[in-house]
Amino acid sequence: MTGVRYLTPAVGELERAVERYEEYSPSIAQSFMSEILGALGQLKLFPESAPVLSGKVRRKVLKKYPYSILYGIKSSTLVVVAVMHHRQEPGYWKPRIKRSDAKGI
């Protein structure tokens, strides 16, 4: 994989999650971001290691936090569709893959 690209809504989800954790403790927020970055690093090396959730979208479950990274692979780039909290309504992210910047996932 050559890179990682986030859909705009996924960026907002990540920012909100970090902000929530920062309210508790900056070190927790930092740990959360480290886990996100570590998971993305692993996915760049082994992009098909996470199971398919729906269509071509895969789900990487974080180990320490109740979040998953939902992503697709497009032209050797990981496209992050959502940074989903596990209490989020299933499938809320599906309309995002119909956007022009996510077509082909």
C-alpha atoms as a PDB file:
ATOM      1  CA  MET A   1       0.000   0.000   0.000  1.00  0.00           C
ATOM      2  CA  THR A   2       1.272   3.426  -0.831  1.00  0.00           C
ATOM      3  CA  GLY A   3      -0.880   5.548   1.430  1.00  0.00           C
ATOM      4  CA  VAL A   4      -3.948   6.198   3.516  1.00  0.00           C
ATOM      5  CA  ARG A   5      -6.771   8.556   2.600  1.00  0.00           C
ATOM      6  CA  TYR A   6      -9.742   9.419   4.812  1.00  0.00           C
ATOM      7  CA  LEU A   7     -13.214  10.291   3.601  1.00  0.00           C
ATOM      8  CA  THR A   8     -14.230  13.624   5.144  1.00  0.00           C
ATOM      9  CA  PRO A   9     -16.828  12.107   7.522  1.00  0.00           C
ATOM     10  CA  ALA A  10     -14.201   9.645   8.816  1.00  0.00           C
ATOM     11  CA  VAL A  11     -11.879  12.540   9.656  1.00  0.00           C
ATOM     12  CA  GLY A  12     -14.673  14.100  11.728  1.00  0.00           C
ATOM     13  CA  GLU A  13     -15.321  10.827  13.540  1.00  0.00           C
ATOM     14  CA  LEU A  14     -11.649  10.452  14.392  1.00  0.00           C
ATOM     15  CA  GLU A  15     -11.384  14.045  15.613  1.00  0.00           C
ATOM     16  CA  ARG A  16     -14.497  13.685  17.799  1.00  0.00           C
ATOM     17  CA  ALA A  17     -13.202  10.430  19.306  1.00  0.00           C
ATOM     18  CA  VAL A  18      -9.857  12.024  20.156  1.00  0.00           C
ATOM     19  CA  GLU A  19     -11.628  15.045  21.675  1.00  0.00           C
ATOM     20  CA  ARG A  20     -13.782  12.767  23.851  1.00  0.00           C
ATOM     21  CA  TYR A  21     -10.753  10.889  25.113  1.00  0.00           C
ATOM     22  CA  GLU A  22      -8.880  14.157  25.736  1.00  0.00           C
ATOM     23  CA  GLU A  23     -11.686  15.200  28.084  1.00  0.00           C
ATOM     24  CA  TYR A  24     -10.737  12.238  30.275  1.00  0.00           C
ATOM     25  CA  SER A  25      -6.994  12.361  29.836  1.00  0.00           C
ATOM     26  CA  PRO A  26      -4.525  13.546  27.199  1.00  0.00           C
ATOM     27  CA  SER A  27      -2.582  10.305  27.665  1.00  0.00           C
ATOM     28  CA  ILE A  28      -5.701   8.250  26.841  1.00  0.00           C
ATOM     29  CA  ALA A  29      -6.233  10.317  23.697  1.00  0.00           C
ATOM     30  CA  GLN A  30      -2.604   9.777  22.762  1.00  0.00           C
ATOM     31  CA  SER A  31      -2.920   6.031  23.367  1.00  0.00           C
ATOM     32  CA  PHE A  32      -6.041   5.932  21.180  1.00  0.00           C
ATOM     33  CA  MET A  33      -4.243   7.721  18.329  1.00  0.00           C
ATOM     34  CA  SER A  34      -1.268   5.380  18.704  1.00  0.00           C
ATOM     35  CA  GLU A  35      -3.569   2.404  18.334  1.00  0.00           C
ATOM     36  CA  ILE A  36      -5.231   3.944  15.265  1.00  0.00           C
ATOM     37  CA  LEU A  37      -1.854   4.640  13.662  1.00  0.00           C
ATOM     38  CA  GLY A  38      -0.547   1.183  14.572  1.00  0.00           C
ATOM     39  CA  ALA A  39      -3.609  -0.476  13.047  1.00  0.00           C
ATOM     40  CA  LEU A  40      -3.234   1.575   9.873  1.00  0.00           C
ATOM     41  CA  GLY A  41       0.440   0.656   9.698  1.00  0.00           C
ATOM     42  CA  GLN A  42      -0.458  -3.012   9.948  1.00  0.00           C
ATOM     43  CA  LEU A  43      -3.143  -2.603   7.287  1.00  0.00           C
ATOM     44  CA  LYS A  44      -0.684  -0.924   4.935  1.00  0.00           C
ATOM     45  CA  LEU A  45       1.530  -4.009   5.186  1.00  0.00           C
ATOM     46  CA  PHE A  46      -1.331  -6.532   5.078  1.00  0.00           C
ATOM     47  CA  PRO A  47      -4.336  -4.741   3.540  1.00  0.00           C
ATOM     48  CA  GLU A  48      -6.465  -7.860   3.212  1.00  0.00           C
ATOM     49  CA  SER A  49      -5.866  -9.070   6.776  1.00  0.00           C
ATOM     50  CA  ALA A  50      -9.123  -7.629   8.131  1.00  0.00           C
ATOM     51  CA  PRO A  51     -12.350  -9.453   7.307  1.00  0.00           C
ATOM     52  CA  VAL A  52     -14.797  -8.104   4.760  1.00  0.00           C
ATOM     53  CA  LEU A  53     -17.745  -6.400   6.431  1.00  0.00           C
ATOM     54  CA  SER A  54     -19.866  -5.546   3.410  1.00  0.00           C
ATOM     55  CA  GLY A  55     -19.101  -5.509  -0.298  1.00  0.00           C
ATOM     56  CA  LYS A  56     -15.440  -4.505  -0.528  1.00  0.00           C
ATOM     57  CA  VAL A  57     -15.357  -2.699   2.822  1.00  0.00           C
ATOM     58  CA  ARG A  58     -13.229  -4.327   5.511  1.00  0.00           C
ATOM     59  CA  ARG A  59     -13.321  -3.888   9.284  1.00  0.00           C
ATOM     60  CA  LYS A  60     -10.253  -3.646  11.508  1.00  0.00           C
ATOM     61  CA  VAL A  61     -11.292  -3.884  15.163  1.00  0.00           C
ATOM     62  CA  LEU A  62      -9.069  -1.977  17.594  1.00  0.00           C
ATOM     63  CA  LYS A  63      -7.746  -3.995  20.519  1.00  0.00           C
ATOM     64  CA  LYS A  64      -8.008  -1.521  23.417  1.00  0.00           C
ATOM     65  CA  TYR A  65     -10.837   0.785  22.360  1.00  0.00           C
ATOM     66  CA  PRO A  66     -14.445   0.197  21.251  1.00  0.00           C
ATOM     67  CA  TYR A  67     -13.792   1.395  17.697  1.00  0.00           C
ATOM     68  CA  SER A  68     -13.239  -0.133  14.289  1.00  0.00           C
ATOM     69  CA  ILE A  69     -11.597   1.251  11.190  1.00  0.00           C
ATOM     70  CA  LEU A  70     -13.766   0.606   8.142  1.00  0.00           C
ATOM     71  CA  TYR A  71     -11.812   0.839   4.931  1.00  0.00           C
ATOM     72  CA  GLY A  72     -11.564  -0.163   1.316  1.00  0.00           C
ATOM     73  CA  ILE A  73      -8.661  -0.528  -1.063  1.00  0.00           C
ATOM     74  CA  LYS A  74      -8.525   1.722  -4.116  1.00  0.00           C
ATOM     75  CA  SER A  75      -5.514   1.956  -6.431  1.00  0.00           C
ATOM     76  CA  SER A  76      -3.108   0.657  -3.754  1.00  0.00           C
ATOM     77  CA  THR A  77      -4.411   3.195  -1.222  1.00  0.00           C
ATOM     78  CA  LEU A  78      -6.340   2.456   1.964  1.00  0.00           C
ATOM     79  CA  VAL A  79      -9.480   4.577   1.940  1.00  0.00           C
ATOM     80  CA  VAL A  80     -10.860   4.993   5.467  1.00  0.00           C
ATOM     81  CA  VAL A  81     -14.634   5.116   5.173  1.00  0.00           C
ATOM     82  CA  ALA A  82     -15.390   5.367   8.901  1.00  0.00           C
ATOM     83  CA  VAL A  83     -13.855   5.336  12.360  1.00  0.00           C
ATOM     84  CA  MET A  84     -16.840   3.635  13.920  1.00  0.00           C
ATOM     85  CA  HIS A  85     -17.686   3.389  17.605  1.00  0.00           C
ATOM     86  CA  HIS A  86     -19.088  -0.046  18.361  1.00  0.00           C
ATOM     87  CA  ARG A  87     -22.327   1.430  19.700  1.00  0.00           C
ATOM     88  CA  GLN A  88     -22.951   3.255  16.441  1.00  0.00           C
ATOM     89  CA  GLU A  89     -25.901   2.078  14.378  1.00  0.00           C
ATOM     90  CA  PRO A  90     -24.742  -0.643  11.981  1.00  0.00           C
ATOM     91  CA  GLY A  91     -24.599   0.404   8.362  1.00  0.00           C
ATOM     92  CA  TYR A  92     -24.731   4.167   8.982  1.00  0.00           C
ATOM     93  CA  TRP A  93     -21.591   4.522   6.867  1.00  0.00           C
ATOM     94  CA  LYS A  94     -22.902   2.723   3.757  1.00  0.00           C
ATOM     95  CA  PRO A  95     -24.063   5.861   1.889  1.00  0.00           C
ATOM     96  CA  ARG A  96     -20.464   7.118   1.998  1.00  0.00           C
ATOM     97  CA  ILE A  97     -19.218   4.456  -0.398  1.00  0.00           C
ATOM     98  CA  LYS A  98     -21.520   5.810  -3.106  1.00  0.00           C
ATOM     99  CA  ARG A  99     -19.653   9.140  -3.142  1.00  0.00           C
ATOM    100  CA  SER A 100     -17.448   9.899  -6.111  1.00  0.00           C
ATOM    101  CA  ASP A 101     -14.254   9.892  -4.006  1.00  0.00           C
ATOM    102  CA  ALA A 102     -15.065   6.395  -2.716  1.00  0.00           C
ATOM    103  CA  LYS A 103     -16.242   4.739  -5.922  1.00  0.00           C
ATOM    104  CA  GLY A 104     -14.339   1.606  -6.688  1.00  0.00           C
ATOM    105  CA  ILE A 105     -14.130   0.481  -3.085  1.00  0.00           C
END
